[in-house]
Amino acid sequence: MSRFRRMKTLQKFASVHANLHNHFALERHLVNRQTYRERRSAALAEWQTLMA
């Protein structure tokens, strides 16, 4: 929090970070390699369409 001057800025960052983290954090230790790769590819494809 020391890098954020205002609480509102911190809240904005935390909100966006939480959404992105949930989108990309796929709990690698709970799925096999193939499933992880498929989910990761799908997440990256969705991200690319959103940023295009």
N, C-alpha and C. Protein backbone atom coordinates (compact mmCIF):
# COMPACT_ATOMS: atom_id res chain seq x y z
N MET A 1 0.82 -1.19 0.00
CA MET A 1 0.00 0.00 0.00
C MET A 1 0.87 1.25 0.00
N SER A 2 2.10 1.15 0.37
CA SER A 2 2.96 2.32 0.47
C SER A 2 3.17 3.02 -0.87
N ARG A 3 2.99 2.32 -1.99
CA ARG A 3 3.18 2.94 -3.30
C ARG A 3 1.94 3.69 -3.77
N PHE A 4 0.82 3.46 -3.15
CA PHE A 4 -0.42 4.13 -3.54
C PHE A 4 -0.67 5.31 -2.62
N ARG A 5 -0.89 6.45 -3.23
CA ARG A 5 -1.09 7.66 -2.43
C ARG A 5 -2.51 7.76 -1.90
N ARG A 6 -3.44 7.20 -2.63
CA ARG A 6 -4.84 7.30 -2.23
C ARG A 6 -5.45 5.91 -2.12
N MET A 7 -6.35 5.76 -1.19
CA MET A 7 -7.02 4.48 -0.99
C MET A 7 -7.85 4.10 -2.22
N LYS A 8 -8.44 5.09 -2.88
CA LYS A 8 -9.25 4.82 -4.07
C LYS A 8 -8.40 4.19 -5.18
N THR A 9 -7.19 4.67 -5.34
CA THR A 9 -6.29 4.12 -6.35
C THR A 9 -5.95 2.67 -6.01
N LEU A 10 -5.69 2.41 -4.77
CA LEU A 10 -5.39 1.05 -4.33
C LEU A 10 -6.58 0.14 -4.58
N GLN A 11 -7.77 0.60 -4.29
CA GLN A 11 -8.97 -0.21 -4.50
C GLN A 11 -9.20 -0.52 -5.97
N LYS A 12 -8.96 0.47 -6.84
CA LYS A 12 -9.08 0.24 -8.28
C LYS A 12 -8.09 -0.83 -8.73
N PHE A 13 -6.84 -0.67 -8.32
CA PHE A 13 -5.81 -1.64 -8.70
C PHE A 13 -6.16 -3.03 -8.19
N ALA A 14 -6.56 -3.12 -6.95
CA ALA A 14 -6.86 -4.42 -6.36
C ALA A 14 -8.03 -5.10 -7.07
N SER A 15 -9.01 -4.31 -7.46
CA SER A 15 -10.17 -4.86 -8.17
C SER A 15 -9.76 -5.43 -9.52
N VAL A 16 -9.01 -4.67 -10.29
CA VAL A 16 -8.57 -5.14 -11.60
C VAL A 16 -7.62 -6.33 -11.45
N HIS A 17 -6.70 -6.23 -10.51
CA HIS A 17 -5.73 -7.31 -10.30
C HIS A 17 -6.44 -8.61 -9.91
N ALA A 18 -7.43 -8.52 -9.06
CA ALA A 18 -8.15 -9.71 -8.62
C ALA A 18 -8.84 -10.39 -9.80
N ASN A 19 -9.46 -9.60 -10.67
CA ASN A 19 -10.14 -10.19 -11.83
C ASN A 19 -9.15 -10.86 -12.77
N LEU A 20 -8.04 -10.20 -13.03
CA LEU A 20 -7.04 -10.80 -13.92
C LEU A 20 -6.40 -12.02 -13.29
N HIS A 21 -6.13 -11.95 -12.01
CA HIS A 21 -5.51 -13.09 -11.33
C HIS A 21 -6.43 -14.30 -11.37
N ASN A 22 -7.70 -14.09 -11.13
CA ASN A 22 -8.65 -15.19 -11.18
C ASN A 22 -8.76 -15.77 -12.58
N HIS A 23 -8.58 -14.93 -13.58
CA HIS A 23 -8.68 -15.39 -14.96
C HIS A 23 -7.48 -16.26 -15.35
N PHE A 24 -6.31 -15.91 -14.84
CA PHE A 24 -5.10 -16.61 -15.25
C PHE A 24 -4.58 -17.62 -14.23
N ALA A 25 -5.02 -17.55 -12.99
CA ALA A 25 -4.57 -18.51 -11.97
C ALA A 25 -5.39 -19.79 -12.12
N LEU A 26 -4.80 -20.80 -12.70
CA LEU A 26 -5.55 -22.00 -13.06
C LEU A 26 -5.27 -23.19 -12.15
N GLU A 27 -4.66 -22.97 -11.02
CA GLU A 27 -4.40 -24.03 -10.04
C GLU A 27 -3.71 -25.23 -10.69
N ARG A 28 -2.52 -24.99 -11.15
CA ARG A 28 -1.74 -26.00 -11.88
C ARG A 28 -1.62 -27.31 -11.12
N HIS A 29 -1.52 -27.26 -9.82
CA HIS A 29 -1.31 -28.48 -9.05
C HIS A 29 -2.54 -29.38 -9.00
N LEU A 30 -3.71 -28.89 -9.45
CA LEU A 30 -4.93 -29.69 -9.36
C LEU A 30 -5.34 -30.35 -10.68
N VAL A 31 -4.68 -29.98 -11.77
CA VAL A 31 -5.06 -30.54 -13.07
C VAL A 31 -3.83 -31.11 -13.77
N ASN A 32 -4.09 -31.98 -14.72
CA ASN A 32 -2.96 -32.55 -15.46
C ASN A 32 -2.44 -31.54 -16.48
N ARG A 33 -1.34 -31.88 -17.09
CA ARG A 33 -0.64 -30.94 -17.98
C ARG A 33 -1.49 -30.54 -19.20
N GLN A 34 -2.14 -31.51 -19.81
CA GLN A 34 -2.93 -31.22 -21.02
C GLN A 34 -4.09 -30.28 -20.70
N THR A 35 -4.81 -30.53 -19.62
CA THR A 35 -5.92 -29.68 -19.23
C THR A 35 -5.43 -28.27 -18.90
N TYR A 36 -4.31 -28.18 -18.21
CA TYR A 36 -3.73 -26.88 -17.87
C TYR A 36 -3.39 -26.10 -19.14
N ARG A 37 -2.76 -26.75 -20.09
CA ARG A 37 -2.38 -26.08 -21.34
C ARG A 37 -3.61 -25.60 -22.11
N GLU A 38 -4.65 -26.42 -22.14
CA GLU A 38 -5.88 -26.03 -22.84
C GLU A 38 -6.52 -24.82 -22.18
N ARG A 39 -6.59 -24.84 -20.86
CA ARG A 39 -7.18 -23.71 -20.14
C ARG A 39 -6.35 -22.45 -20.28
N ARG A 40 -5.04 -22.62 -20.26
CA ARG A 40 -4.14 -21.47 -20.41
C ARG A 40 -4.27 -20.87 -21.80
N SER A 41 -4.33 -21.69 -22.80
CA SER A 41 -4.50 -21.22 -24.18
C SER A 41 -5.83 -20.49 -24.34
N ALA A 42 -6.88 -21.03 -23.76
CA ALA A 42 -8.19 -20.38 -23.84
C ALA A 42 -8.18 -19.02 -23.14
N ALA A 43 -7.53 -18.94 -21.99
CA ALA A 43 -7.44 -17.67 -21.27
C ALA A 43 -6.66 -16.64 -22.06
N LEU A 44 -5.56 -17.05 -22.67
CA LEU A 44 -4.76 -16.12 -23.47
C LEU A 44 -5.51 -15.68 -24.72
N ALA A 45 -6.24 -16.58 -25.35
CA ALA A 45 -7.02 -16.22 -26.54
C ALA A 45 -8.10 -15.21 -26.18
N GLU A 46 -8.75 -15.43 -25.05
CA GLU A 46 -9.77 -14.48 -24.60
C GLU A 46 -9.16 -13.12 -24.29
N TRP A 47 -8.01 -13.12 -23.66
CA TRP A 47 -7.33 -11.88 -23.34
C TRP A 47 -6.97 -11.11 -24.62
N GLN A 48 -6.48 -11.83 -25.61
CA GLN A 48 -6.10 -11.19 -26.87
C GLN A 48 -7.31 -10.60 -27.59
N THR A 49 -8.46 -11.27 -27.53
CA THR A 49 -9.66 -10.71 -28.15
C THR A 49 -10.14 -9.48 -27.40
N LEU A 50 -9.98 -9.48 -26.09
CA LEU A 50 -10.38 -8.31 -25.31
C LEU A 50 -9.49 -7.11 -25.59
N MET A 51 -8.21 -7.36 -25.81
CA MET A 51 -7.26 -6.26 -26.02
C MET A 51 -7.22 -5.79 -27.48
N ALA A 52 -7.85 -6.55 -28.38
CA ALA A 52 -7.82 -6.17 -29.80
C ALA A 52 -8.82 -5.08 -30.12
